[in-house]
Amino acid sequence: MAYILPKYSNEPNFVGYPLFYIKEEYKALCHMCASEENVRGVLVKMATNWEDDNLYCDECSEKIESAYADEDESDTGET
C-alpha cells in the first residue's frame, strides 16, 4: 500500500480527533479500508466522528472511535 490515510486529524488547532472516510456518499470506512480504496482510485471523503459511538466500517466492521460520545453508556449509576 502506497499511502495510509490518517486515523486521527493532525491539522493545526484540530489535532487528535478520530477520522473516518465516506465512499459512495454513504458508506463509512476506517482509515485502512479507505487507504485501500484510495490506492484503487476510488474517491473517499474525510470526516470526523464527533459523537457516533455506533459507527463501524462497512468493509471490515472495525468500530470507528468517536471524539465525544460516552463509550460506556450502560453504566448509568442506577441500581
N, C-alpha and C. Protein backbone atom coordinates (compact mmCIF):
# COMPACT_ATOMS: atom_id res chain seq x y z
N MET A 1 0.86 -1.17 0.00
CA MET A 1 0.00 0.00 0.00
C MET A 1 0.90 1.23 0.00
N ALA A 2 0.64 2.14 -0.88
CA ALA A 2 1.50 3.29 -1.08
C ALA A 2 1.36 4.32 0.04
N TYR A 3 0.17 4.67 0.41
CA TYR A 3 -0.04 5.72 1.40
C TYR A 3 -1.22 5.35 2.28
N ILE A 4 -1.02 5.42 3.58
CA ILE A 4 -2.09 5.12 4.53
C ILE A 4 -2.71 6.43 5.00
N LEU A 5 -4.00 6.56 4.81
CA LEU A 5 -4.72 7.75 5.24
C LEU A 5 -4.71 7.83 6.77
N PRO A 6 -4.72 9.02 7.34
CA PRO A 6 -4.63 9.16 8.80
C PRO A 6 -5.87 8.67 9.53
N LYS A 7 -5.65 8.11 10.73
CA LYS A 7 -6.73 7.67 11.60
C LYS A 7 -7.21 8.84 12.47
N TYR A 8 -6.32 9.77 12.76
CA TYR A 8 -6.64 10.93 13.58
C TYR A 8 -6.25 12.21 12.84
N SER A 9 -6.99 13.27 13.11
CA SER A 9 -6.68 14.55 12.48
C SER A 9 -5.33 15.05 12.99
N ASN A 10 -4.63 15.78 12.13
CA ASN A 10 -3.32 16.31 12.52
C ASN A 10 -3.10 17.73 12.01
N GLU A 11 -4.18 18.42 11.71
CA GLU A 11 -4.07 19.80 11.26
C GLU A 11 -3.95 20.72 12.47
N PRO A 12 -3.29 21.85 12.34
CA PRO A 12 -3.18 22.78 13.47
C PRO A 12 -4.56 23.15 14.03
N ASN A 13 -4.66 23.20 15.33
CA ASN A 13 -5.90 23.51 16.05
C ASN A 13 -6.98 22.45 15.86
N PHE A 14 -6.62 21.30 15.35
CA PHE A 14 -7.59 20.24 15.09
C PHE A 14 -6.86 18.89 15.17
N VAL A 15 -6.12 18.68 16.24
CA VAL A 15 -5.25 17.52 16.36
C VAL A 15 -5.88 16.44 17.24
N GLY A 16 -5.83 15.20 16.77
CA GLY A 16 -6.23 14.06 17.58
C GLY A 16 -7.68 13.63 17.50
N TYR A 17 -8.48 14.24 16.64
CA TYR A 17 -9.87 13.83 16.51
C TYR A 17 -9.97 12.61 15.59
N PRO A 18 -10.81 11.63 15.96
CA PRO A 18 -10.91 10.41 15.14
C PRO A 18 -11.58 10.69 13.79
N LEU A 19 -10.95 10.16 12.75
CA LEU A 19 -11.44 10.36 11.40
C LEU A 19 -12.04 9.07 10.85
N PHE A 20 -12.97 9.22 9.93
CA PHE A 20 -13.44 8.11 9.12
C PHE A 20 -13.59 8.65 7.71
N TYR A 21 -13.84 7.77 6.80
CA TYR A 21 -13.90 8.16 5.39
C TYR A 21 -15.22 7.69 4.80
N ILE A 22 -15.70 8.41 3.81
CA ILE A 22 -17.00 8.12 3.20
C ILE A 22 -16.80 7.78 1.74
N LYS A 23 -17.37 6.63 1.36
CA LYS A 23 -17.31 6.16 -0.02
C LYS A 23 -18.72 6.09 -0.55
N GLU A 24 -18.92 6.50 -1.78
CA GLU A 24 -20.22 6.44 -2.45
C GLU A 24 -21.30 7.20 -1.67
N GLU A 25 -20.91 8.27 -1.01
CA GLU A 25 -21.81 9.20 -0.31
C GLU A 25 -22.48 8.64 0.95
N TYR A 26 -22.31 7.34 1.27
CA TYR A 26 -22.99 6.83 2.46
C TYR A 26 -22.25 5.71 3.19
N LYS A 27 -21.22 5.15 2.63
CA LYS A 27 -20.52 4.04 3.27
C LYS A 27 -19.36 4.56 4.11
N ALA A 28 -19.39 4.24 5.40
CA ALA A 28 -18.32 4.64 6.32
C ALA A 28 -17.18 3.65 6.22
N LEU A 29 -15.95 4.17 6.16
CA LEU A 29 -14.77 3.32 6.10
C LEU A 29 -13.76 3.74 7.15
N CYS A 30 -13.05 2.75 7.72
CA CYS A 30 -11.93 3.06 8.61
C CYS A 30 -10.76 3.54 7.76
N HIS A 31 -9.72 4.02 8.40
CA HIS A 31 -8.60 4.58 7.64
C HIS A 31 -7.88 3.55 6.78
N MET A 32 -7.80 2.29 7.23
CA MET A 32 -7.10 1.26 6.45
C MET A 32 -7.90 0.87 5.20
N CYS A 33 -9.20 0.66 5.35
CA CYS A 33 -10.03 0.31 4.19
C CYS A 33 -10.11 1.47 3.21
N ALA A 34 -10.18 2.70 3.73
CA ALA A 34 -10.20 3.87 2.86
C ALA A 34 -8.89 3.99 2.10
N SER A 35 -7.79 3.64 2.74
CA SER A 35 -6.49 3.69 2.06
C SER A 35 -6.44 2.70 0.91
N GLU A 36 -6.99 1.51 1.12
CA GLU A 36 -7.03 0.50 0.06
C GLU A 36 -7.90 0.98 -1.11
N GLU A 37 -9.04 1.60 -0.79
CA GLU A 37 -9.91 2.13 -1.84
C GLU A 37 -9.20 3.25 -2.60
N ASN A 38 -8.49 4.09 -1.88
CA ASN A 38 -7.78 5.21 -2.47
C ASN A 38 -6.70 4.73 -3.45
N VAL A 39 -6.01 3.66 -3.10
CA VAL A 39 -4.99 3.09 -3.98
C VAL A 39 -5.63 2.59 -5.27
N ARG A 40 -6.85 2.06 -5.18
CA ARG A 40 -7.57 1.57 -6.36
C ARG A 40 -8.20 2.70 -7.18
N GLY A 41 -8.02 3.93 -6.73
CA GLY A 41 -8.55 5.06 -7.47
C GLY A 41 -9.94 5.49 -7.09
N VAL A 42 -10.49 4.92 -6.03
CA VAL A 42 -11.82 5.29 -5.57
C VAL A 42 -11.72 6.55 -4.71
N LEU A 43 -12.53 7.53 -5.00
CA LEU A 43 -12.52 8.78 -4.25
C LEU A 43 -13.22 8.58 -2.91
N VAL A 44 -12.57 8.95 -1.82
CA VAL A 44 -13.16 8.90 -0.49
C VAL A 44 -13.09 10.28 0.13
N LYS A 45 -14.10 10.61 0.92
CA LYS A 45 -14.13 11.90 1.62
C LYS A 45 -13.77 11.68 3.09
N MET A 46 -13.03 12.60 3.66
CA MET A 46 -12.65 12.53 5.06
C MET A 46 -13.69 13.24 5.91
N ALA A 47 -14.00 12.66 7.07
CA ALA A 47 -14.94 13.28 8.02
C ALA A 47 -14.49 12.95 9.44
N THR A 48 -14.96 13.71 10.40
CA THR A 48 -14.65 13.48 11.81
C THR A 48 -15.84 12.85 12.49
N ASN A 49 -15.59 11.81 13.28
CA ASN A 49 -16.66 11.19 14.04
C ASN A 49 -16.74 11.88 15.40
N TRP A 50 -17.64 12.82 15.51
CA TRP A 50 -17.75 13.59 16.75
C TRP A 50 -18.42 12.80 17.86
N GLU A 51 -19.62 12.23 17.62
CA GLU A 51 -20.39 11.65 18.72
C GLU A 51 -21.02 10.29 18.45
N ASP A 52 -20.83 9.71 17.30
CA ASP A 52 -21.48 8.43 16.98
C ASP A 52 -20.64 7.27 17.53
N ASP A 53 -21.06 6.71 18.67
CA ASP A 53 -20.30 5.60 19.25
C ASP A 53 -20.72 4.25 18.66
N ASN A 54 -21.59 4.26 17.67
CA ASN A 54 -22.00 3.03 16.98
C ASN A 54 -21.64 3.07 15.50
N LEU A 55 -20.53 3.72 15.18
CA LEU A 55 -20.09 3.82 13.79
C LEU A 55 -19.07 2.72 13.51
N TYR A 56 -19.35 1.91 12.51
CA TYR A 56 -18.47 0.80 12.14
C TYR A 56 -18.11 0.90 10.67
N CYS A 57 -16.96 0.39 10.32
CA CYS A 57 -16.51 0.36 8.93
C CYS A 57 -17.41 -0.60 8.14
N ASP A 58 -17.87 -0.16 6.98
CA ASP A 58 -18.72 -1.01 6.14
C ASP A 58 -17.95 -2.13 5.46
N GLU A 59 -16.64 -2.04 5.42
CA GLU A 59 -15.83 -3.08 4.76
C GLU A 59 -15.34 -4.15 5.74
N CYS A 60 -14.73 -3.74 6.86
CA CYS A 60 -14.11 -4.71 7.77
C CYS A 60 -14.81 -4.81 9.13
N SER A 61 -15.82 -3.99 9.37
CA SER A 61 -16.61 -3.98 10.61
C SER A 61 -15.83 -3.50 11.85
N GLU A 62 -14.71 -2.83 11.65
CA GLU A 62 -13.97 -2.27 12.77
C GLU A 62 -14.75 -1.08 13.33
N LYS A 63 -14.83 -0.99 14.66
CA LYS A 63 -15.50 0.15 15.29
C LYS A 63 -14.65 1.39 15.09
N ILE A 64 -15.29 2.48 14.70
CA ILE A 64 -14.60 3.74 14.47
C ILE A 64 -14.80 4.61 15.71
N GLU A 65 -13.71 4.97 16.33
CA GLU A 65 -13.73 5.74 17.57
C GLU A 65 -14.43 7.09 17.37
N SER A 66 -15.10 7.56 18.44
CA SER A 66 -15.74 8.88 18.39
C SER A 66 -15.02 9.84 19.33
N ALA A 67 -15.16 11.12 19.06
CA ALA A 67 -14.45 12.13 19.85
C ALA A 67 -15.13 12.38 21.19
N TYR A 68 -16.45 12.49 21.20
CA TYR A 68 -17.13 12.92 22.42
C TYR A 68 -18.23 12.00 22.93
N ALA A 69 -18.57 10.95 22.24
CA ALA A 69 -19.65 10.08 22.69
C ALA A 69 -19.23 9.34 23.95
N ASP A 70 -20.20 9.08 24.78
CA ASP A 70 -19.95 8.34 26.01
C ASP A 70 -19.80 6.87 25.63
N GLU A 71 -18.59 6.36 25.69
CA GLU A 71 -18.30 4.98 25.28
C GLU A 71 -18.96 3.95 26.19
N ASP A 72 -19.27 4.32 27.45
CA ASP A 72 -19.84 3.37 28.39
C ASP A 72 -21.20 3.88 28.86
N GLU A 73 -22.17 3.93 27.95
CA GLU A 73 -23.49 4.41 28.30
C GLU A 73 -24.27 3.42 29.14
N SER A 74 -23.82 2.17 29.22
CA SER A 74 -24.52 1.17 30.02
C SER A 74 -24.34 1.42 31.50
N ASP A 75 -23.32 2.18 31.90
CA ASP A 75 -23.07 2.48 33.30
C ASP A 75 -23.74 3.79 33.66
N THR A 76 -25.03 3.72 34.04
CA THR A 76 -25.79 4.93 34.34
C THR A 76 -25.77 5.27 35.81
N GLY A 77 -25.24 4.38 36.65
CA GLY A 77 -25.17 4.64 38.07
C GLY A 77 -26.43 4.24 38.82
N GLU A 78 -27.43 3.72 38.12
CA GLU A 78 -28.68 3.30 38.76
C GLU A 78 -28.53 1.87 39.23
N THR A 79 -29.26 1.54 40.33
CA THR A 79 -29.24 0.17 40.84
C THR A 79 -30.59 -0.46 40.76
